[in-house]
């Protein structure tokens, strides 16, 4: 889609998995709140480290991406939060 610059409608975006949810504007805030509540249920260390990993991986090559993931893994493993991910 990037190279063809083809525009797609919301229905197709949902069908091809480009977006996770398709909803009306009226239900958007409720859905965002529901997702935020799901995230809050996870451990803060895990959420912080996963966000860090995602943010940093954009700017580095594959080797460094894997190193970042390994570092995040090593930070989470000694915590009780690790059980949430198992």
PDB file of N, CA and C in Angstrom:
ATOM      1  N   UNK A   1       0.820  -1.189   0.000  1.00  0.00           N
ATOM      2  CA  UNK A   1       0.000   0.000   0.000  1.00  0.00           C
ATOM      3  C   UNK A   1       0.866   1.255   0.000  1.00  0.00           C
ATOM      4  N   UNK A   2       2.009   1.198   0.634  1.00  0.00           N
ATOM      5  CA  UNK A   2       2.864   2.377   0.682  1.00  0.00           C
ATOM      6  C   UNK A   2       3.333   2.743  -0.714  1.00  0.00           C
ATOM      7  N   UNK A   3       3.779   1.759  -1.496  1.00  0.00           N
ATOM      8  CA  UNK A   3       4.309   2.058  -2.815  1.00  0.00           C
ATOM      9  C   UNK A   3       3.231   2.366  -3.837  1.00  0.00           C
ATOM     10  N   UNK A   4       2.069   1.766  -3.689  1.00  0.00           N
ATOM     11  CA  UNK A   4       0.996   2.026  -4.645  1.00  0.00           C
ATOM     12  C   UNK A   4       0.196   3.262  -4.271  1.00  0.00           C
ATOM     13  N   UNK A   5       0.302   3.715  -3.044  1.00  0.00           N
ATOM     14  CA  UNK A   5      -0.440   4.863  -2.506  1.00  0.00           C
ATOM     15  C   UNK A   5      -1.946   4.650  -2.669  1.00  0.00           C
ATOM     16  N   UNK A   6      -2.346   3.392  -2.629  1.00  0.00           N
ATOM     17  CA  UNK A   6      -3.757   3.062  -2.759  1.00  0.00           C
ATOM     18  C   UNK A   6      -4.469   3.343  -1.447  1.00  0.00           C
ATOM     19  N   UNK A   7      -5.558   4.050  -1.517  1.00  0.00           N
ATOM     20  CA  UNK A   7      -6.372   4.337  -0.336  1.00  0.00           C
ATOM     21  C   UNK A   7      -7.339   3.187  -0.112  1.00  0.00           C
ATOM     22  N   UNK A   8      -7.574   2.891   1.143  1.00  0.00           N
ATOM     23  CA  UNK A   8      -8.538   1.848   1.477  1.00  0.00           C
ATOM     24  C   UNK A   8      -9.564   2.426   2.446  1.00  0.00           C
ATOM     25  N   UNK A   9     -10.732   1.819   2.472  1.00  0.00           N
ATOM     26  CA  UNK A   9     -11.754   2.284   3.405  1.00  0.00           C
ATOM     27  C   UNK A   9     -11.623   1.539   4.727  1.00  0.00           C
ATOM     28  N   UNK A  10     -12.379   1.952   5.704  1.00  0.00           N
ATOM     29  CA  UNK A  10     -12.288   1.387   7.046  1.00  0.00           C
ATOM     30  C   UNK A  10     -12.627  -0.100   7.066  1.00  0.00           C
ATOM     31  N   UNK A  11     -13.561  -0.513   6.242  1.00  0.00           N
ATOM     32  CA  UNK A  11     -13.922  -1.927   6.195  1.00  0.00           C
ATOM     33  C   UNK A  11     -12.768  -2.792   5.738  1.00  0.00           C
ATOM     34  N   UNK A  12     -12.110  -2.363   4.684  1.00  0.00           N
ATOM     35  CA  UNK A  12     -10.964  -3.124   4.191  1.00  0.00           C
ATOM     36  C   UNK A  12      -9.813  -3.104   5.190  1.00  0.00           C
ATOM     37  N   UNK A  13      -9.617  -1.981   5.856  1.00  0.00           N
ATOM     38  CA  UNK A  13      -8.562  -1.897   6.872  1.00  0.00           C
ATOM     39  C   UNK A  13      -8.781  -2.938   7.960  1.00  0.00           C
ATOM     40  N   UNK A  14     -10.023  -3.132   8.352  1.00  0.00           N
ATOM     41  CA  UNK A  14     -10.350  -4.152   9.341  1.00  0.00           C
ATOM     42  C   UNK A  14     -10.162  -5.553   8.791  1.00  0.00           C
ATOM     43  N   UNK A  15     -10.573  -5.768   7.550  1.00  0.00           N
ATOM     44  CA  UNK A  15     -10.472  -7.092   6.931  1.00  0.00           C
ATOM     45  C   UNK A  15      -9.032  -7.558   6.786  1.00  0.00           C
ATOM     46  N   UNK A  16      -8.129  -6.660   6.445  1.00  0.00           N
ATOM     47  CA  UNK A  16      -6.744  -7.064   6.203  1.00  0.00           C
ATOM     48  C   UNK A  16      -5.877  -6.970   7.460  1.00  0.00           C
ATOM     49  N   UNK A  17      -6.481  -6.581   8.572  1.00  0.00           N
ATOM     50  CA  UNK A  17      -5.739  -6.545   9.829  1.00  0.00           C
ATOM     51  C   UNK A  17      -4.889  -5.309  10.029  1.00  0.00           C
ATOM     52  N   UNK A  18      -5.134  -4.279   9.253  1.00  0.00           N
ATOM     53  CA  UNK A  18      -4.390  -3.033   9.418  1.00  0.00           C
ATOM     54  C   UNK A  18      -4.794  -2.326  10.704  1.00  0.00           C
ATOM     55  N   UNK A  19      -6.036  -2.498  11.077  1.00  0.00           N
ATOM     56  CA  UNK A  19      -6.539  -1.976  12.350  1.00  0.00           C
ATOM     57  C   UNK A  19      -7.131  -3.135  13.135  1.00  0.00           C
ATOM     58  N   UNK A  20      -7.097  -3.018  14.437  1.00  0.00           N
ATOM     59  CA  UNK A  20      -7.607  -4.092  15.277  1.00  0.00           C
ATOM     60  C   UNK A  20      -9.115  -4.000  15.472  1.00  0.00           C
ATOM     61  N   UNK A  21      -9.630  -2.784  15.544  1.00  0.00           N
ATOM     62  CA  UNK A  21     -11.051  -2.578  15.792  1.00  0.00           C
ATOM     63  C   UNK A  21     -11.605  -1.547  14.830  1.00  0.00           C
ATOM     64  N   UNK A  22     -12.834  -1.763  14.411  1.00  0.00           N
ATOM     65  CA  UNK A  22     -13.567  -0.795  13.594  1.00  0.00           C
ATOM     66  C   UNK A  22     -14.851  -0.505  14.341  1.00  0.00           C
ATOM     67  N   UNK A  23     -15.101   0.782  14.636  1.00  0.00           N
ATOM     68  CA  UNK A  23     -16.283   1.131  15.419  1.00  0.00           C
ATOM     69  C   UNK A  23     -16.732   2.553  15.114  1.00  0.00           C
ATOM     70  N   UNK A  24     -17.855   2.894  15.646  1.00  0.00           N
ATOM     71  CA  UNK A  24     -18.384   4.238  15.460  1.00  0.00           C
ATOM     72  C   UNK A  24     -17.643   5.220  16.368  1.00  0.00           C
ATOM     73  N   UNK A  25     -17.734   6.478  16.020  1.00  0.00           N
ATOM     74  CA  UNK A  25     -17.109   7.515  16.843  1.00  0.00           C
ATOM     75  C   UNK A  25     -17.687   7.530  18.256  1.00  0.00           C
ATOM     76  N   UNK A  26     -18.970   7.202  18.370  1.00  0.00           N
ATOM     77  CA  UNK A  26     -19.624   7.210  19.674  1.00  0.00           C
ATOM     78  C   UNK A  26     -19.070   6.125  20.609  1.00  0.00           C
ATOM     79  N   UNK A  27     -18.609   5.024  20.057  1.00  0.00           N
ATOM     80  CA  UNK A  27     -18.108   3.935  20.902  1.00  0.00           C
ATOM     81  C   UNK A  27     -16.591   3.945  21.055  1.00  0.00           C
ATOM     82  N   UNK A  28     -15.925   4.890  20.409  1.00  0.00           N
ATOM     83  CA  UNK A  28     -14.461   4.925  20.422  1.00  0.00           C
ATOM     84  C   UNK A  28     -13.875   5.148  21.812  1.00  0.00           C
ATOM     85  N   UNK A  29     -14.376   6.127  22.537  1.00  0.00           N
ATOM     86  CA  UNK A  29     -13.841   6.421  23.862  1.00  0.00           C
ATOM     87  C   UNK A  29     -14.024   5.243  24.813  1.00  0.00           C
ATOM     88  N   UNK A  30     -15.159   4.579  24.747  1.00  0.00           N
ATOM     89  CA  UNK A  30     -15.404   3.406  25.594  1.00  0.00           C
ATOM     90  C   UNK A  30     -14.407   2.297  25.274  1.00  0.00           C
ATOM     91  N   UNK A  31     -14.175   2.041  23.979  1.00  0.00           N
ATOM     92  CA  UNK A  31     -13.236   0.988  23.578  1.00  0.00           C
ATOM     93  C   UNK A  31     -11.824   1.343  24.023  1.00  0.00           C
ATOM     94  N   UNK A  32     -11.417   2.590  23.847  1.00  0.00           N
ATOM     95  CA  UNK A  32     -10.075   3.023  24.277  1.00  0.00           C
ATOM     96  C   UNK A  32      -9.920   2.848  25.781  1.00  0.00           C
ATOM     97  N   UNK A  33     -10.951   3.178  26.520  1.00  0.00           N
ATOM     98  CA  UNK A  33     -10.936   3.005  27.977  1.00  0.00           C
ATOM     99  C   UNK A  33     -10.837   1.528  28.353  1.00  0.00           C
ATOM    100  N   UNK A  34     -11.570   0.660  27.652  1.00  0.00           N
ATOM    101  CA  UNK A  34     -11.508  -0.778  27.908  1.00  0.00           C
ATOM    102  C   UNK A  34     -10.097  -1.314  27.677  1.00  0.00           C
ATOM    103  N   UNK A  35      -9.479  -0.896  26.591  1.00  0.00           N
ATOM    104  CA  UNK A  35      -8.114  -1.345  26.291  1.00  0.00           C
ATOM    105  C   UNK A  35      -7.143  -0.821  27.339  1.00  0.00           C
ATOM    106  N   UNK A  36      -7.284   0.442  27.726  1.00  0.00           N
ATOM    107  CA  UNK A  36      -6.417   1.018  28.763  1.00  0.00           C
ATOM    108  C   UNK A  36      -6.554   0.248  30.072  1.00  0.00           C
ATOM    109  N   UNK A  37      -7.762  -0.140  30.412  1.00  0.00           N
ATOM    110  CA  UNK A  37      -7.984  -0.928  31.631  1.00  0.00           C
ATOM    111  C   UNK A  37      -7.323  -2.301  31.546  1.00  0.00           C
ATOM    112  N   UNK A  38      -7.290  -2.902  30.366  1.00  0.00           N
ATOM    113  CA  UNK A  38      -6.598  -4.178  30.187  1.00  0.00           C
ATOM    114  C   UNK A  38      -5.091  -3.994  30.392  1.00  0.00           C
ATOM    115  N   UNK A  39      -4.540  -2.917  29.845  1.00  0.00           N
ATOM    116  CA  UNK A  39      -3.107  -2.650  29.973  1.00  0.00           C
ATOM    117  C   UNK A  39      -2.734  -2.414  31.432  1.00  0.00           C
ATOM    118  N   UNK A  40      -3.564  -1.677  32.147  1.00  0.00           N
ATOM    119  CA  UNK A  40      -3.298  -1.355  33.551  1.00  0.00           C
ATOM    120  C   UNK A  40      -3.237  -2.615  34.408  1.00  0.00           C
ATOM    121  N   UNK A  41      -3.942  -3.648  34.013  1.00  0.00           N
ATOM    122  CA  UNK A  41      -3.930  -4.896  34.773  1.00  0.00           C
ATOM    123  C   UNK A  41      -2.578  -5.607  34.713  1.00  0.00           C
ATOM    124  N   UNK A  42      -1.761  -5.263  33.721  1.00  0.00           N
ATOM    125  CA  UNK A  42      -0.438  -5.870  33.587  1.00  0.00           C
ATOM    126  C   UNK A  42       0.546  -5.170  34.515  1.00  0.00           C
ATOM    127  N   UNK A  43       1.635  -5.837  34.799  1.00  0.00           N
ATOM    128  CA  UNK A  43       2.644  -5.265  35.675  1.00  0.00           C
ATOM    129  C   UNK A  43       3.304  -4.044  35.066  1.00  0.00           C
ATOM    130  N   UNK A  44       3.563  -3.052  35.885  1.00  0.00           N
ATOM    131  CA  UNK A  44       4.128  -1.804  35.383  1.00  0.00           C
ATOM    132  C   UNK A  44       5.532  -1.990  34.817  1.00  0.00           C
ATOM    133  N   UNK A  45       6.311  -2.880  35.408  1.00  0.00           N
ATOM    134  CA  UNK A  45       7.662  -3.127  34.884  1.00  0.00           C
ATOM    135  C   UNK A  45       7.570  -3.711  33.486  1.00  0.00           C
ATOM    136  N   UNK A  46       6.706  -4.677  33.323  1.00  0.00           N
ATOM    137  CA  UNK A  46       6.548  -5.329  32.026  1.00  0.00           C
ATOM    138  C   UNK A  46       6.059  -4.346  30.977  1.00  0.00           C
ATOM    139  N   UNK A  47       5.035  -3.579  31.283  1.00  0.00           N
ATOM    140  CA  UNK A  47       4.487  -2.610  30.326  1.00  0.00           C
ATOM    141  C   UNK A  47       5.556  -1.588  29.950  1.00  0.00           C
ATOM    142  N   UNK A  48       6.276  -1.085  30.927  1.00  0.00           N
ATOM    143  CA  UNK A  48       7.323  -0.094  30.669  1.00  0.00           C
ATOM    144  C   UNK A  48       8.418  -0.670  29.780  1.00  0.00           C
ATOM    145  N   UNK A  49       8.855  -1.878  30.074  1.00  0.00           N
ATOM    146  CA  UNK A  49       9.932  -2.487  29.301  1.00  0.00           C
ATOM    147  C   UNK A  49       9.487  -2.853  27.883  1.00  0.00           C
ATOM    148  N   UNK A  50       8.268  -3.321  27.731  1.00  0.00           N
ATOM    149  CA  UNK A  50       7.768  -3.634  26.396  1.00  0.00           C
ATOM    150  C   UNK A  50       7.670  -2.358  25.562  1.00  0.00           C
ATOM    151  N   UNK A  51       7.168  -1.287  26.147  1.00  0.00           N
ATOM    152  CA  UNK A  51       7.093  -0.004  25.440  1.00  0.00           C
ATOM    153  C   UNK A  51       8.484   0.473  25.054  1.00  0.00           C
ATOM    154  N   UNK A  52       9.437   0.368  25.967  1.00  0.00           N
ATOM    155  CA  UNK A  52      10.821   0.748  25.683  1.00  0.00           C
ATOM    156  C   UNK A  52      11.352  -0.059  24.499  1.00  0.00           C
ATOM    157  N   UNK A  53      11.120  -1.366  24.532  1.00  0.00           N
ATOM    158  CA  UNK A  53      11.600  -2.245  23.466  1.00  0.00           C
ATOM    159  C   UNK A  53      11.020  -1.852  22.110  1.00  0.00           C
ATOM    160  N   UNK A  54       9.735  -1.599  22.073  1.00  0.00           N
ATOM    161  CA  UNK A  54       9.081  -1.207  20.819  1.00  0.00           C
ATOM    162  C   UNK A  54       9.635   0.130  20.325  1.00  0.00           C
ATOM    163  N   UNK A  55       9.751   1.095  21.219  1.00  0.00           N
ATOM    164  CA  UNK A  55      10.244   2.422  20.834  1.00  0.00           C
ATOM    165  C   UNK A  55      11.673   2.370  20.294  1.00  0.00           C
ATOM    166  N   UNK A  56      12.536   1.607  20.924  1.00  0.00           N
ATOM    167  CA  UNK A  56      13.951   1.566  20.545  1.00  0.00           C
ATOM    168  C   UNK A  56      14.217   0.733  19.308  1.00  0.00           C
ATOM    169  N   UNK A  57      13.401  -0.271  19.045  1.00  0.00           N
ATOM    170  CA  UNK A  57      13.635  -1.167  17.912  1.00  0.00           C
ATOM    171  C   UNK A  57      13.481  -0.482  16.569  1.00  0.00           C
ATOM    172  N   UNK A  58      12.792   0.617  16.527  1.00  0.00           N
ATOM    173  CA  UNK A  58      12.556   1.307  15.262  1.00  0.00           C
ATOM    174  C   UNK A  58      13.859   1.830  14.658  1.00  0.00           C
ATOM    175  N   UNK A  59      14.778   2.243  15.486  1.00  0.00           N
ATOM    176  CA  UNK A  59      15.975   2.933  15.027  1.00  0.00           C
ATOM    177  C   UNK A  59      17.224   2.063  14.896  1.00  0.00           C
ATOM    178  N   UNK A  60      17.098   0.750  15.058  1.00  0.00           N
ATOM    179  CA  UNK A  60      18.288  -0.094  15.061  1.00  0.00           C
ATOM    180  C   UNK A  60      18.149  -1.290  14.128  1.00  0.00           C
ATOM    181  N   UNK A  61      19.271  -1.920  13.818  1.00  0.00           N
ATOM    182  CA  UNK A  61      19.266  -3.097  12.955  1.00  0.00           C
ATOM    183  C   UNK A  61      18.808  -4.337  13.731  1.00  0.00           C
ATOM    184  N   UNK A  62      18.662  -5.445  13.024  1.00  0.00           N
ATOM    185  CA  UNK A  62      18.129  -6.667  13.626  1.00  0.00           C
ATOM    186  C   UNK A  62      18.973  -7.151  14.801  1.00  0.00           C
ATOM    187  N   UNK A  63      20.270  -7.102  14.668  1.00  0.00           N
ATOM    188  CA  UNK A  63      21.146  -7.556  15.746  1.00  0.00           C
ATOM    189  C   UNK A  63      20.897  -6.771  17.029  1.00  0.00           C
ATOM    190  N   UNK A  64      20.782  -5.468  16.901  1.00  0.00           N
ATOM    191  CA  UNK A  64      20.513  -4.630  18.074  1.00  0.00           C
ATOM    192  C   UNK A  64      19.086  -4.798  18.580  1.00  0.00           C
ATOM    193  N   UNK A  65      18.149  -5.064  17.673  1.00  0.00           N
ATOM    194  CA  UNK A  65      16.772  -5.341  18.102  1.00  0.00           C
ATOM    195  C   UNK A  65      16.738  -6.567  19.004  1.00  0.00           C
ATOM    196  N   UNK A  66      17.447  -7.598  18.592  1.00  0.00           N
ATOM    197  CA  UNK A  66      17.487  -8.827  19.393  1.00  0.00           C
ATOM    198  C   UNK A  66      18.174  -8.586  20.727  1.00  0.00           C
ATOM    199  N   UNK A  67      19.207  -7.754  20.731  1.00  0.00           N
ATOM    200  CA  UNK A  67      19.894  -7.426  21.983  1.00  0.00           C
ATOM    201  C   UNK A  67      18.960  -6.667  22.920  1.00  0.00           C
ATOM    202  N   UNK A  68      18.177  -5.751  22.378  1.00  0.00           N
ATOM    203  CA  UNK A  68      17.207  -4.997  23.189  1.00  0.00           C
ATOM    204  C   UNK A  68      16.196  -5.965  23.801  1.00  0.00           C
ATOM    205  N   UNK A  69      15.672  -6.881  22.985  1.00  0.00           N
ATOM    206  CA  UNK A  69      14.712  -7.857  23.501  1.00  0.00           C
ATOM    207  C   UNK A  69      15.327  -8.702  24.608  1.00  0.00           C
ATOM    208  N   UNK A  70      16.572  -9.109  24.421  1.00  0.00           N
ATOM    209  CA  UNK A  70      17.242  -9.927  25.432  1.00  0.00           C
ATOM    210  C   UNK A  70      17.408  -9.141  26.732  1.00  0.00           C
ATOM    211  N   UNK A  71      17.784  -7.876  26.629  1.00  0.00           N
ATOM    212  CA  UNK A  71      17.944  -7.037  27.821  1.00  0.00           C
ATOM    213  C   UNK A  71      16.624  -6.858  28.555  1.00  0.00           C
ATOM    214  N   UNK A  72      15.555  -6.627  27.809  1.00  0.00           N
ATOM    215  CA  UNK A  72      14.227  -6.487  28.418  1.00  0.00           C
ATOM    216  C   UNK A  72      13.836  -7.780  29.113  1.00  0.00           C
ATOM    217  N   UNK A  73      14.070  -8.893  28.443  1.00  0.00           N
ATOM    218  CA  UNK A  73      13.774 -10.211  29.022  1.00  0.00           C
ATOM    219  C   UNK A  73      14.530 -10.399  30.341  1.00  0.00           C
ATOM    220  N   UNK A  74      15.807 -10.057  30.337  1.00  0.00           N
ATOM    221  CA  UNK A  74      16.626 -10.230  31.534  1.00  0.00           C
ATOM    222  C   UNK A  74      16.181  -9.318  32.680  1.00  0.00           C
ATOM    223  N   UNK A  75      15.640  -8.155  32.351  1.00  0.00           N
ATOM    224  CA  UNK A  75      15.126  -7.260  33.390  1.00  0.00           C
ATOM    225  C   UNK A  75      13.822  -7.780  33.995  1.00  0.00           C
ATOM    226  N   UNK A  76      13.001  -8.424  33.189  1.00  0.00           N
ATOM    227  CA  UNK A  76      11.692  -8.884  33.645  1.00  0.00           C
ATOM    228  C   UNK A  76      11.770 -10.224  34.377  1.00  0.00           C
ATOM    229  N   UNK A  77      12.645 -11.114  33.947  1.00  0.00           N
ATOM    230  CA  UNK A  77      12.718 -12.466  34.509  1.00  0.00           C
ATOM    231  C   UNK A  77      12.838 -12.498  36.031  1.00  0.00           C
ATOM    232  N   UNK A  78      13.679 -11.675  36.668  1.00  0.00           N
ATOM    233  CA  UNK A  78      13.782 -11.795  38.127  1.00  0.00           C
ATOM    234  C   UNK A  78      12.585 -11.217  38.893  1.00  0.00           C
ATOM    235  N   UNK A  79      11.613 -10.648  38.202  1.00  0.00           N
ATOM    236  CA  UNK A  79      10.464 -10.040  38.883  1.00  0.00           C
ATOM    237  C   UNK A  79       9.308 -11.026  38.971  1.00  0.00           C
ATOM    238  N   UNK A  80       8.399 -10.768  39.894  1.00  0.00           N
ATOM    239  CA  UNK A  80       7.217 -11.621  39.992  1.00  0.00           C
ATOM    240  C   UNK A  80       6.276 -11.407  38.805  1.00  0.00           C
ATOM    241  N   UNK A  81       6.443 -10.286  38.110  1.00  0.00           N
ATOM    242  CA  UNK A  81       5.600 -10.012  36.943  1.00  0.00           C
ATOM    243  C   UNK A  81       5.838 -11.008  35.802  1.00  0.00           C
ATOM    244  N   UNK A  82       6.972 -11.647  35.792  1.00  0.00           N
ATOM    245  CA  UNK A  82       7.286 -12.571  34.701  1.00  0.00           C
ATOM    246  C   UNK A  82       6.243 -13.680  34.596  1.00  0.00           C
ATOM    247  N   UNK A  83       5.638 -14.032  35.708  1.00  0.00           N
ATOM    248  CA  UNK A  83       4.636 -15.089  35.700  1.00  0.00           C
ATOM    249  C   UNK A  83       3.404 -14.705  34.885  1.00  0.00           C
ATOM    250  N   UNK A  84       3.135 -13.401  34.770  1.00  0.00           N
ATOM    251  CA  UNK A  84       1.998 -12.952  33.977  1.00  0.00           C
ATOM    252  C   UNK A  84       2.180 -13.293  32.514  1.00  0.00           C
ATOM    253  N   UNK A  85       3.420 -13.289  32.067  1.00  0.00           N
ATOM    254  CA  UNK A  85       3.693 -13.546  30.652  1.00  0.00           C
ATOM    255  C   UNK A  85       3.874 -15.009  30.325  1.00  0.00           C
ATOM    256  N   UNK A  86       3.900 -15.865  31.331  1.00  0.00           N
ATOM    257  CA  UNK A  86       4.118 -17.294  31.075  1.00  0.00           C
ATOM    258  C   UNK A  86       2.818 -18.040  30.899  1.00  0.00           C
TER     259      UNK A  86
END
